[in-house]
Amino acid sequence: MRAGQDRYTFARIEKAITVTDALIAAAAWEHHAILVTNNLKDYPMPDVQLLPLDGQER
């Protein structure tokens, strides 16, 4: 459910999120986990904790 809501929300502001990225973010959010990624731009959800793998800033 969360993944679909995120995809819909960001599609309305013309930010496409893939199904895979939405599912990964939803799983991280649901489990209160930190998502480690090289692609911060793929996860614009403000309530998903991200840890940049390569030192980028969010």
C-alpha atoms as a PDB file:
ATOM      1  CA  MET A   1       0.000   0.000   0.000  1.00  0.00           C
ATOM      2  CA  ARG A   2       2.727   2.452   0.975  1.00  0.00           C
ATOM      3  CA  ALA A   3       4.625   1.905  -2.290  1.00  0.00           C
ATOM      4  CA  GLY A   4       1.544   2.739  -4.344  1.00  0.00           C
ATOM      5  CA  GLN A   5       0.857   5.869  -2.314  1.00  0.00           C
ATOM      6  CA  ASP A   6       4.416   7.103  -2.813  1.00  0.00           C
ATOM      7  CA  ARG A   7       4.315   6.449  -6.556  1.00  0.00           C
ATOM      8  CA  TYR A   8       1.010   8.322  -6.844  1.00  0.00           C
ATOM      9  CA  THR A   9       2.177  11.253  -4.705  1.00  0.00           C
ATOM     10  CA  PHE A  10       5.385  11.788  -6.638  1.00  0.00           C
ATOM     11  CA  ALA A  11       3.777  11.188 -10.040  1.00  0.00           C
ATOM     12  CA  ARG A  12       1.510  14.153  -9.312  1.00  0.00           C
ATOM     13  CA  ILE A  13       4.583  16.403  -9.068  1.00  0.00           C
ATOM     14  CA  GLU A  14       6.147  14.792 -12.142  1.00  0.00           C
ATOM     15  CA  LYS A  15       8.747  12.739 -10.270  1.00  0.00           C
ATOM     16  CA  ALA A  16       8.493   9.178 -11.541  1.00  0.00           C
ATOM     17  CA  ILE A  17       9.465   6.439  -9.102  1.00  0.00           C
ATOM     18  CA  THR A  18       9.946   2.887 -10.314  1.00  0.00           C
ATOM     19  CA  VAL A  19       7.919   0.108  -8.748  1.00  0.00           C
ATOM     20  CA  THR A  20      11.130  -1.481  -7.489  1.00  0.00           C
ATOM     21  CA  ASP A  21      12.352   1.700  -5.780  1.00  0.00           C
ATOM     22  CA  ALA A  22       8.919   2.322  -4.255  1.00  0.00           C
ATOM     23  CA  LEU A  23       8.818  -1.222  -2.845  1.00  0.00           C
ATOM     24  CA  ILE A  24      12.351  -0.952  -1.436  1.00  0.00           C
ATOM     25  CA  ALA A  25      11.560   2.390   0.209  1.00  0.00           C
ATOM     26  CA  ALA A  26       8.277   1.074   1.607  1.00  0.00           C
ATOM     27  CA  ALA A  27      10.026  -1.958   3.113  1.00  0.00           C
ATOM     28  CA  ALA A  28      12.693   0.253   4.702  1.00  0.00           C
ATOM     29  CA  TRP A  29      10.018   2.582   6.093  1.00  0.00           C
ATOM     30  CA  GLU A  30       7.875  -0.281   7.419  1.00  0.00           C
ATOM     31  CA  HIS A  31      10.818  -1.874   9.248  1.00  0.00           C
ATOM     32  CA  HIS A  32      12.303   1.436  10.477  1.00  0.00           C
ATOM     33  CA  ALA A  33      15.448   0.539   8.550  1.00  0.00           C
ATOM     34  CA  ILE A  34      18.054   2.788   6.996  1.00  0.00           C
ATOM     35  CA  LEU A  35      18.238   2.418   3.239  1.00  0.00           C
ATOM     36  CA  VAL A  36      21.844   2.404   1.965  1.00  0.00           C
ATOM     37  CA  THR A  37      22.095   3.540  -1.647  1.00  0.00           C
ATOM     38  CA  ASN A  38      24.233   5.175  -4.301  1.00  0.00           C
ATOM     39  CA  ASN A  39      21.102   6.734  -5.819  1.00  0.00           C
ATOM     40  CA  LEU A  40      19.656   9.236  -3.354  1.00  0.00           C
ATOM     41  CA  LYS A  41      17.647  10.885  -6.133  1.00  0.00           C
ATOM     42  CA  ASP A  42      15.641   7.675  -6.542  1.00  0.00           C
ATOM     43  CA  TYR A  43      14.258   7.981  -3.000  1.00  0.00           C
ATOM     44  CA  PRO A  44      12.746  11.460  -2.514  1.00  0.00           C
ATOM     45  CA  MET A  45      10.466  10.318   0.324  1.00  0.00           C
ATOM     46  CA  PRO A  46      11.261  12.589   3.294  1.00  0.00           C
ATOM     47  CA  ASP A  47      10.366   9.981   5.922  1.00  0.00           C
ATOM     48  CA  VAL A  48      12.658   7.231   4.605  1.00  0.00           C
ATOM     49  CA  GLN A  49      16.062   7.272   6.292  1.00  0.00           C
ATOM     50  CA  LEU A  50      18.867   7.158   3.740  1.00  0.00           C
ATOM     51  CA  LEU A  51      22.566   6.500   4.117  1.00  0.00           C
ATOM     52  CA  PRO A  52      24.584   7.532   1.069  1.00  0.00           C
ATOM     53  CA  LEU A  53      27.050   4.839   0.108  1.00  0.00           C
ATOM     54  CA  ASP A  54      29.402   7.240  -1.657  1.00  0.00           C
ATOM     55  CA  GLY A  55      29.317  10.261   0.665  1.00  0.00           C
ATOM     56  CA  GLN A  56      26.613  12.286  -1.138  1.00  0.00           C
ATOM     57  CA  GLU A  57      24.437  14.678   0.826  1.00  0.00           C
ATOM     58  CA  ARG A  58      20.669  14.250   0.797  1.00  0.00           C
END
